[in-house]
mmCIF file of all heavy atoms, coordinates in Angstrom:
data_MODEL
# 
_entry.id   MODEL 
# 
loop_
_atom_site.group_PDB 
_atom_site.id 
_atom_site.type_symbol 
_atom_site.label_atom_id 
_atom_site.label_alt_id 
_atom_site.label_comp_id 
_atom_site.label_asym_id 
_atom_site.label_entity_id 
_atom_site.label_seq_id 
_atom_site.pdbx_PDB_ins_code 
_atom_site.Cartn_x 
_atom_site.Cartn_y 
_atom_site.Cartn_z 
_atom_site.occupancy 
_atom_site.B_iso_or_equiv 
_atom_site.pdbx_formal_charge 
_atom_site.auth_seq_id 
_atom_site.auth_comp_id 
_atom_site.auth_asym_id 
_atom_site.auth_atom_id 
_atom_site.pdbx_PDB_model_num 
ATOM 1   N N   . GLU A 1 1  ? 72.059 126.919 102.105 1.00 0.00 ? 1  GLU A N   1 
ATOM 2   C CA  . GLU A 1 1  ? 71.466 126.850 103.434 1.00 0.00 ? 1  GLU A CA  1 
ATOM 3   C C   . GLU A 1 1  ? 72.505 126.542 104.536 1.00 0.00 ? 1  GLU A C   1 
ATOM 4   O O   . GLU A 1 1  ? 72.400 127.094 105.655 1.00 0.00 ? 1  GLU A O   1 
ATOM 5   C CB  . GLU A 1 1  ? 70.359 125.775 103.451 1.00 0.00 ? 1  GLU A CB  1 
ATOM 6   C CG  . GLU A 1 1  ? 69.265 125.944 104.404 1.00 0.00 ? 1  GLU A CG  1 
ATOM 7   C CD  . GLU A 1 1  ? 68.165 124.995 104.205 1.00 0.00 ? 1  GLU A CD  1 
ATOM 8   O OE1 . GLU A 1 1  ? 68.266 123.864 104.740 1.00 0.00 ? 1  GLU A OE1 1 
ATOM 9   O OE2 . GLU A 1 1  ? 67.225 125.299 103.451 1.00 0.00 ? 1  GLU A OE2 1 
ATOM 10  N N   . ASN A 1 2  ? 73.485 125.744 104.202 1.00 0.00 ? 2  ASN A N   1 
ATOM 11  C CA  . ASN A 1 2  ? 74.454 125.294 105.212 1.00 0.00 ? 2  ASN A CA  1 
ATOM 12  C C   . ASN A 1 2  ? 75.770 126.122 105.157 1.00 0.00 ? 2  ASN A C   1 
ATOM 13  O O   . ASN A 1 2  ? 76.764 125.757 105.719 1.00 0.00 ? 2  ASN A O   1 
ATOM 14  C CB  . ASN A 1 2  ? 74.780 123.809 104.987 1.00 0.00 ? 2  ASN A CB  1 
ATOM 15  C CG  . ASN A 1 2  ? 73.571 122.983 105.293 1.00 0.00 ? 2  ASN A CG  1 
ATOM 16  O OD1 . ASN A 1 2  ? 72.753 123.256 106.203 1.00 0.00 ? 2  ASN A OD1 1 
ATOM 17  N ND2 . ASN A 1 2  ? 73.393 121.957 104.474 1.00 0.00 ? 2  ASN A ND2 1 
ATOM 18  N N   . ALA A 1 3  ? 75.739 127.215 104.370 1.00 0.00 ? 3  ALA A N   1 
ATOM 19  C CA  . ALA A 1 3  ? 76.950 128.032 104.329 1.00 0.00 ? 3  ALA A CA  1 
ATOM 20  C C   . ALA A 1 3  ? 77.250 128.655 105.639 1.00 0.00 ? 3  ALA A C   1 
ATOM 21  O O   . ALA A 1 3  ? 76.352 128.925 106.454 1.00 0.00 ? 3  ALA A O   1 
ATOM 22  C CB  . ALA A 1 3  ? 76.772 129.151 103.273 1.00 0.00 ? 3  ALA A CB  1 
ATOM 23  N N   . SER A 1 4  ? 78.561 128.823 105.966 1.00 0.00 ? 4  SER A N   1 
ATOM 24  C CA  . SER A 1 4  ? 78.914 129.371 107.233 1.00 0.00 ? 4  SER A CA  1 
ATOM 25  C C   . SER A 1 4  ? 78.584 130.861 107.272 1.00 0.00 ? 4  SER A C   1 
ATOM 26  O O   . SER A 1 4  ? 78.783 131.589 106.317 1.00 0.00 ? 4  SER A O   1 
ATOM 27  C CB  . SER A 1 4  ? 80.503 129.239 107.437 1.00 0.00 ? 4  SER A CB  1 
ATOM 28  O OG  . SER A 1 4  ? 80.850 127.904 107.407 1.00 0.00 ? 4  SER A OG  1 
ATOM 29  N N   . PRO A 1 5  ? 77.935 131.317 108.340 1.00 0.00 ? 5  PRO A N   1 
ATOM 30  C CA  . PRO A 1 5  ? 77.579 132.702 108.497 1.00 0.00 ? 5  PRO A CA  1 
ATOM 31  C C   . PRO A 1 5  ? 78.838 133.534 108.561 1.00 0.00 ? 5  PRO A C   1 
ATOM 32  O O   . PRO A 1 5  ? 79.878 133.145 109.149 1.00 0.00 ? 5  PRO A O   1 
ATOM 33  C CB  . PRO A 1 5  ? 76.752 132.763 109.731 1.00 0.00 ? 5  PRO A CB  1 
ATOM 34  C CG  . PRO A 1 5  ? 77.295 131.586 110.594 1.00 0.00 ? 5  PRO A CG  1 
ATOM 35  C CD  . PRO A 1 5  ? 77.644 130.541 109.596 1.00 0.00 ? 5  PRO A CD  1 
ATOM 36  N N   . ARG A 1 6  ? 78.740 134.770 108.046 1.00 0.00 ? 6  ARG A N   1 
ATOM 37  C CA  . ARG A 1 6  ? 79.866 135.691 108.167 1.00 0.00 ? 6  ARG A CA  1 
ATOM 38  C C   . ARG A 1 6  ? 80.100 136.100 109.614 1.00 0.00 ? 6  ARG A C   1 
ATOM 39  O O   . ARG A 1 6  ? 79.069 136.197 110.430 1.00 0.00 ? 6  ARG A O   1 
ATOM 40  C CB  . ARG A 1 6  ? 79.736 136.900 107.281 1.00 0.00 ? 6  ARG A CB  1 
ATOM 41  C CG  . ARG A 1 6  ? 78.584 137.806 107.722 1.00 0.00 ? 6  ARG A CG  1 
ATOM 42  C CD  . ARG A 1 6  ? 78.432 138.940 106.587 1.00 0.00 ? 6  ARG A CD  1 
ATOM 43  N NE  . ARG A 1 6  ? 77.426 139.832 106.985 1.00 0.00 ? 6  ARG A NE  1 
ATOM 44  C CZ  . ARG A 1 6  ? 77.613 140.894 107.642 1.00 0.00 ? 6  ARG A CZ  1 
ATOM 45  N NH1 . ARG A 1 6  ? 78.730 141.185 108.175 1.00 0.00 ? 6  ARG A NH1 1 
ATOM 46  N NH2 . ARG A 1 6  ? 76.553 141.739 107.931 1.00 0.00 ? 6  ARG A NH2 1 
ATOM 47  N N   . SER A 1 7  ? 81.294 136.383 109.993 1.00 0.00 ? 7  SER A N   1 
ATOM 48  C CA  . SER A 1 7  ? 81.504 136.661 111.382 1.00 0.00 ? 7  SER A CA  1 
ATOM 49  C C   . SER A 1 7  ? 80.878 138.001 111.735 1.00 0.00 ? 7  SER A C   1 
ATOM 50  O O   . SER A 1 7  ? 80.767 138.892 110.952 1.00 0.00 ? 7  SER A O   1 
ATOM 51  C CB  . SER A 1 7  ? 83.026 136.710 111.657 1.00 0.00 ? 7  SER A CB  1 
ATOM 52  O OG  . SER A 1 7  ? 83.648 137.707 110.778 1.00 0.00 ? 7  SER A OG  1 
ATOM 53  N N   . LEU A 1 8  ? 80.504 138.151 113.001 1.00 0.00 ? 8  LEU A N   1 
ATOM 54  C CA  . LEU A 1 8  ? 79.845 139.350 113.449 1.00 0.00 ? 8  LEU A CA  1 
ATOM 55  C C   . LEU A 1 8  ? 80.900 140.475 113.624 1.00 0.00 ? 8  LEU A C   1 
ATOM 56  O O   . LEU A 1 8  ? 82.018 140.232 114.008 1.00 0.00 ? 8  LEU A O   1 
ATOM 57  C CB  . LEU A 1 8  ? 79.178 139.141 114.783 1.00 0.00 ? 8  LEU A CB  1 
ATOM 58  C CG  . LEU A 1 8  ? 77.974 138.141 114.758 1.00 0.00 ? 8  LEU A CG  1 
ATOM 59  C CD1 . LEU A 1 8  ? 77.470 137.920 116.203 1.00 0.00 ? 8  LEU A CD1 1 
ATOM 60  C CD2 . LEU A 1 8  ? 76.853 138.691 113.896 1.00 0.00 ? 8  LEU A CD2 1 
ATOM 61  N N   . PRO A 1 9  ? 80.521 141.718 113.266 1.00 0.00 ? 9  PRO A N   1 
ATOM 62  C CA  . PRO A 1 9  ? 81.422 142.825 113.414 1.00 0.00 ? 9  PRO A CA  1 
ATOM 63  C C   . PRO A 1 9  ? 81.808 143.044 114.885 1.00 0.00 ? 9  PRO A C   1 
ATOM 64  O O   . PRO A 1 9  ? 81.005 142.826 115.795 1.00 0.00 ? 9  PRO A O   1 
ATOM 65  C CB  . PRO A 1 9  ? 80.654 144.037 112.856 1.00 0.00 ? 9  PRO A CB  1 
ATOM 66  C CG  . PRO A 1 9  ? 79.289 143.622 112.921 1.00 0.00 ? 9  PRO A CG  1 
ATOM 67  C CD  . PRO A 1 9  ? 79.183 142.205 112.739 1.00 0.00 ? 9  PRO A CD  1 
ATOM 68  N N   . THR A 1 10 ? 83.064 143.467 115.103 1.00 0.00 ? 10 THR A N   1 
ATOM 69  C CA  . THR A 1 10 ? 83.597 143.755 116.437 1.00 0.00 ? 10 THR A CA  1 
ATOM 70  C C   . THR A 1 10 ? 83.747 145.197 116.735 1.00 0.00 ? 10 THR A C   1 
ATOM 71  O O   . THR A 1 10 ? 83.552 146.042 115.779 1.00 0.00 ? 10 THR A O   1 
ATOM 72  C CB  . THR A 1 10 ? 84.909 143.040 116.628 1.00 0.00 ? 10 THR A CB  1 
ATOM 73  O OG1 . THR A 1 10 ? 85.895 143.639 115.741 1.00 0.00 ? 10 THR A OG1 1 
ATOM 74  C CG2 . THR A 1 10 ? 84.879 141.542 116.313 1.00 0.00 ? 10 THR A CG2 1 
ATOM 75  N N   . ILE A 1 11 ? 84.080 145.547 117.934 1.00 0.00 ? 11 ILE A N   1 
ATOM 76  C CA  . ILE A 1 11 ? 84.384 146.953 118.244 1.00 0.00 ? 11 ILE A CA  1 
ATOM 77  C C   . ILE A 1 11 ? 85.517 147.520 117.329 1.00 0.00 ? 11 ILE A C   1 
ATOM 78  O O   . ILE A 1 11 ? 85.472 148.679 116.890 1.00 0.00 ? 11 ILE A O   1 
ATOM 79  C CB  . ILE A 1 11 ? 84.672 147.127 119.714 1.00 0.00 ? 11 ILE A CB  1 
ATOM 80  C CG1 . ILE A 1 11 ? 83.380 147.093 120.523 1.00 0.00 ? 11 ILE A CG1 1 
ATOM 81  C CG2 . ILE A 1 11 ? 85.468 148.410 120.000 1.00 0.00 ? 11 ILE A CG2 1 
ATOM 82  C CD1 . ILE A 1 11 ? 83.588 147.256 122.022 1.00 0.00 ? 11 ILE A CD1 1 
ATOM 83  N N   . SER A 1 12 ? 86.485 146.694 117.130 1.00 0.00 ? 12 SER A N   1 
ATOM 84  C CA  . SER A 1 12 ? 87.628 147.031 116.265 1.00 0.00 ? 12 SER A CA  1 
ATOM 85  C C   . SER A 1 12 ? 87.214 147.362 114.862 1.00 0.00 ? 12 SER A C   1 
ATOM 86  O O   . SER A 1 12 ? 87.694 148.299 114.214 1.00 0.00 ? 12 SER A O   1 
ATOM 87  C CB  . SER A 1 12 ? 88.684 145.955 116.270 1.00 0.00 ? 12 SER A CB  1 
ATOM 88  O OG  . SER A 1 12 ? 89.258 145.786 117.517 1.00 0.00 ? 12 SER A OG  1 
ATOM 89  N N   . ASP A 1 13 ? 86.216 146.541 114.300 1.00 0.00 ? 13 ASP A N   1 
ATOM 90  C CA  . ASP A 1 13 ? 85.716 146.812 112.950 1.00 0.00 ? 13 ASP A CA  1 
ATOM 91  C C   . ASP A 1 13 ? 85.000 148.165 112.935 1.00 0.00 ? 13 ASP A C   1 
ATOM 92  O O   . ASP A 1 13 ? 85.157 148.939 111.941 1.00 0.00 ? 13 ASP A O   1 
ATOM 93  C CB  . ASP A 1 13 ? 84.700 145.730 112.547 1.00 0.00 ? 13 ASP A CB  1 
ATOM 94  C CG  . ASP A 1 13 ? 85.333 144.354 112.422 1.00 0.00 ? 13 ASP A CG  1 
ATOM 95  O OD1 . ASP A 1 13 ? 86.558 144.323 112.083 1.00 0.00 ? 13 ASP A OD1 1 
ATOM 96  O OD2 . ASP A 1 13 ? 84.696 143.314 112.668 1.00 0.00 ? 13 ASP A OD2 1 
ATOM 97  N N   . VAL A 1 14 ? 84.209 148.425 113.985 1.00 0.00 ? 14 VAL A N   1 
ATOM 98  C CA  . VAL A 1 14 ? 83.473 149.705 113.976 1.00 0.00 ? 14 VAL A CA  1 
ATOM 99  C C   . VAL A 1 14 ? 84.500 150.892 114.115 1.00 0.00 ? 14 VAL A C   1 
ATOM 100 O O   . VAL A 1 14 ? 84.349 151.896 113.396 1.00 0.00 ? 14 VAL A O   1 
ATOM 101 C CB  . VAL A 1 14 ? 82.567 149.764 115.276 1.00 0.00 ? 14 VAL A CB  1 
ATOM 102 C CG1 . VAL A 1 14 ? 81.914 151.141 115.409 1.00 0.00 ? 14 VAL A CG1 1 
ATOM 103 C CG2 . VAL A 1 14 ? 81.456 148.703 115.085 1.00 0.00 ? 14 VAL A CG2 1 
ATOM 104 N N   . ALA A 1 15 ? 85.575 150.717 114.922 1.00 0.00 ? 15 ALA A N   1 
ATOM 105 C CA  . ALA A 1 15 ? 86.580 151.763 115.053 1.00 0.00 ? 15 ALA A CA  1 
ATOM 106 C C   . ALA A 1 15 ? 87.276 152.053 113.733 1.00 0.00 ? 15 ALA A C   1 
ATOM 107 O O   . ALA A 1 15 ? 87.461 153.213 113.346 1.00 0.00 ? 15 ALA A O   1 
ATOM 108 C CB  . ALA A 1 15 ? 87.599 151.310 116.091 1.00 0.00 ? 15 ALA A CB  1 
ATOM 109 N N   . ARG A 1 16 ? 87.622 150.948 112.968 1.00 0.00 ? 16 ARG A N   1 
ATOM 110 C CA  . ARG A 1 16 ? 88.238 151.149 111.673 1.00 0.00 ? 16 ARG A CA  1 
ATOM 111 C C   . ARG A 1 16 ? 87.317 151.899 110.719 1.00 0.00 ? 16 ARG A C   1 
ATOM 112 O O   . ARG A 1 16 ? 87.715 152.768 109.970 1.00 0.00 ? 16 ARG A O   1 
ATOM 113 C CB  . ARG A 1 16 ? 88.681 149.832 111.092 1.00 0.00 ? 16 ARG A CB  1 
ATOM 114 C CG  . ARG A 1 16 ? 90.032 149.287 111.675 1.00 0.00 ? 16 ARG A CG  1 
ATOM 115 C CD  . ARG A 1 16 ? 90.552 148.134 110.856 1.00 0.00 ? 16 ARG A CD  1 
ATOM 116 N NE  . ARG A 1 16 ? 89.650 146.961 110.891 1.00 0.00 ? 16 ARG A NE  1 
ATOM 117 C CZ  . ARG A 1 16 ? 89.797 146.032 111.877 1.00 0.00 ? 16 ARG A CZ  1 
ATOM 118 N NH1 . ARG A 1 16 ? 90.715 146.135 112.801 1.00 0.00 ? 16 ARG A NH1 1 
ATOM 119 N NH2 . ARG A 1 16 ? 88.966 145.002 111.860 1.00 0.00 ? 16 ARG A NH2 1 
ATOM 120 N N   . HIS A 1 17 ? 86.046 151.468 110.693 1.00 0.00 ? 17 HIS A N   1 
ATOM 121 C CA  . HIS A 1 17 ? 85.086 152.033 109.796 1.00 0.00 ? 17 HIS A CA  1 
ATOM 122 C C   . HIS A 1 17 ? 84.860 153.538 110.099 1.00 0.00 ? 17 HIS A C   1 
ATOM 123 O O   . HIS A 1 17 ? 84.741 154.391 109.221 1.00 0.00 ? 17 HIS A O   1 
ATOM 124 C CB  . HIS A 1 17 ? 83.719 151.239 109.925 1.00 0.00 ? 17 HIS A CB  1 
ATOM 125 C CG  . HIS A 1 17 ? 82.731 151.622 108.951 1.00 0.00 ? 17 HIS A CG  1 
ATOM 126 N ND1 . HIS A 1 17 ? 81.894 152.748 109.057 1.00 0.00 ? 17 HIS A ND1 1 
ATOM 127 C CD2 . HIS A 1 17 ? 82.384 151.090 107.743 1.00 0.00 ? 17 HIS A CD2 1 
ATOM 128 C CE1 . HIS A 1 17 ? 81.106 152.848 107.975 1.00 0.00 ? 17 HIS A CE1 1 
ATOM 129 N NE2 . HIS A 1 17 ? 81.378 151.832 107.105 1.00 0.00 ? 17 HIS A NE2 1 
ATOM 130 N N   . ALA A 1 18 ? 84.871 153.896 111.352 1.00 0.00 ? 18 ALA A N   1 
ATOM 131 C CA  . ALA A 1 18 ? 84.605 155.258 111.772 1.00 0.00 ? 18 ALA A CA  1 
ATOM 132 C C   . ALA A 1 18 ? 85.872 156.105 111.804 1.00 0.00 ? 18 ALA A C   1 
ATOM 133 O O   . ALA A 1 18 ? 85.817 157.346 111.905 1.00 0.00 ? 18 ALA A O   1 
ATOM 134 C CB  . ALA A 1 18 ? 83.972 155.315 113.177 1.00 0.00 ? 18 ALA A CB  1 
ATOM 135 N N   . GLY A 1 19 ? 87.014 155.442 111.768 1.00 0.00 ? 19 GLY A N   1 
ATOM 136 C CA  . GLY A 1 19 ? 88.275 156.167 111.785 1.00 0.00 ? 19 GLY A CA  1 
ATOM 137 C C   . GLY A 1 19 ? 88.620 156.732 113.118 1.00 0.00 ? 19 GLY A C   1 
ATOM 138 O O   . GLY A 1 19 ? 89.171 157.810 113.279 1.00 0.00 ? 19 GLY A O   1 
ATOM 139 N N   . VAL A 1 20 ? 88.216 155.922 114.201 1.00 0.00 ? 20 VAL A N   1 
ATOM 140 C CA  . VAL A 1 20 ? 88.513 156.329 115.606 1.00 0.00 ? 20 VAL A CA  1 
ATOM 141 C C   . VAL A 1 20 ? 89.110 155.163 116.372 1.00 0.00 ? 20 VAL A C   1 
ATOM 142 O O   . VAL A 1 20 ? 89.273 154.081 115.850 1.00 0.00 ? 20 VAL A O   1 
ATOM 143 C CB  . VAL A 1 20 ? 87.179 156.736 116.270 1.00 0.00 ? 20 VAL A CB  1 
ATOM 144 C CG1 . VAL A 1 20 ? 86.528 157.970 115.604 1.00 0.00 ? 20 VAL A CG1 1 
ATOM 145 C CG2 . VAL A 1 20 ? 86.203 155.612 116.401 1.00 0.00 ? 20 VAL A CG2 1 
ATOM 146 N N   . SER A 1 21 ? 89.448 155.426 117.545 1.00 0.00 ? 21 SER A N   1 
ATOM 147 C CA  . SER A 1 21 ? 90.040 154.324 118.375 1.00 0.00 ? 21 SER A CA  1 
ATOM 148 C C   . SER A 1 21 ? 88.997 153.407 118.983 1.00 0.00 ? 21 SER A C   1 
ATOM 149 O O   . SER A 1 21 ? 87.806 153.883 119.182 1.00 0.00 ? 21 SER A O   1 
ATOM 150 C CB  . SER A 1 21 ? 90.872 154.900 119.568 1.00 0.00 ? 21 SER A CB  1 
ATOM 151 O OG  . SER A 1 21 ? 90.037 155.504 120.501 1.00 0.00 ? 21 SER A OG  1 
ATOM 152 N N   . PRO A 1 22 ? 89.281 152.157 119.257 1.00 0.00 ? 22 PRO A N   1 
ATOM 153 C CA  . PRO A 1 22 ? 88.312 151.282 119.895 1.00 0.00 ? 22 PRO A CA  1 
ATOM 154 C C   . PRO A 1 22 ? 87.837 151.870 121.301 1.00 0.00 ? 22 PRO A C   1 
ATOM 155 O O   . PRO A 1 22 ? 86.661 151.670 121.612 1.00 0.00 ? 22 PRO A O   1 
ATOM 156 C CB  . PRO A 1 22 ? 89.080 149.988 120.138 1.00 0.00 ? 22 PRO A CB  1 
ATOM 157 C CG  . PRO A 1 22 ? 90.170 150.006 119.056 1.00 0.00 ? 22 PRO A CG  1 
ATOM 158 C CD  . PRO A 1 22 ? 90.509 151.406 118.871 1.00 0.00 ? 22 PRO A CD  1 
ATOM 159 N N   . MET A 1 23 ? 88.642 152.573 121.986 1.00 0.00 ? 23 MET A N   1 
ATOM 160 C CA  . MET A 1 23 ? 88.280 153.196 123.192 1.00 0.00 ? 23 MET A CA  1 
ATOM 161 C C   . MET A 1 23 ? 87.134 154.209 123.031 1.00 0.00 ? 23 MET A C   1 
ATOM 162 O O   . MET A 1 23 ? 86.213 154.280 123.839 1.00 0.00 ? 23 MET A O   1 
ATOM 163 C CB  . MET A 1 23 ? 89.488 153.922 123.859 1.00 0.00 ? 23 MET A CB  1 
ATOM 164 C CG  . MET A 1 23 ? 89.142 154.546 125.225 1.00 0.00 ? 23 MET A CG  1 
ATOM 165 S SD  . MET A 1 23 ? 88.556 153.346 126.495 1.00 0.00 ? 23 MET A SD  1 
ATOM 166 C CE  . MET A 1 23 ? 90.080 152.565 126.825 1.00 0.00 ? 23 MET A CE  1 
ATOM 167 N N   . THR A 1 24 ? 87.251 154.991 121.894 1.00 0.00 ? 24 THR A N   1 
ATOM 168 C CA  . THR A 1 24 ? 86.206 155.910 121.645 1.00 0.00 ? 24 THR A CA  1 
ATOM 169 C C   . THR A 1 24 ? 84.882 155.240 121.367 1.00 0.00 ? 24 THR A C   1 
ATOM 170 O O   . THR A 1 24 ? 83.807 155.673 121.850 1.00 0.00 ? 24 THR A O   1 
ATOM 171 C CB  . THR A 1 24 ? 86.572 156.823 120.433 1.00 0.00 ? 24 THR A CB  1 
ATOM 172 O OG1 . THR A 1 24 ? 87.777 157.532 120.737 1.00 0.00 ? 24 THR A OG1 1 
ATOM 173 C CG2 . THR A 1 24 ? 85.518 157.800 120.031 1.00 0.00 ? 24 THR A CG2 1 
ATOM 174 N N   . VAL A 1 25 ? 84.921 154.077 120.591 1.00 0.00 ? 25 VAL A N   1 
ATOM 175 C CA  . VAL A 1 25 ? 83.742 153.303 120.298 1.00 0.00 ? 25 VAL A CA  1 
ATOM 176 C C   . VAL A 1 25 ? 83.075 152.834 121.625 1.00 0.00 ? 25 VAL A C   1 
ATOM 177 O O   . VAL A 1 25 ? 81.892 152.943 121.858 1.00 0.00 ? 25 VAL A O   1 
ATOM 178 C CB  . VAL A 1 25 ? 84.035 152.133 119.403 1.00 0.00 ? 25 VAL A CB  1 
ATOM 179 C CG1 . VAL A 1 25 ? 82.814 151.296 119.231 1.00 0.00 ? 25 VAL A CG1 1 
ATOM 180 C CG2 . VAL A 1 25 ? 84.535 152.626 118.040 1.00 0.00 ? 25 VAL A CG2 1 
# 
């Protein structure tokens, strides 16, 4: 119950996942 939540994804995470630049995101 008291475990630290995982960090929220960022624009950089989305860019890496999609294989594009952060500007495109």
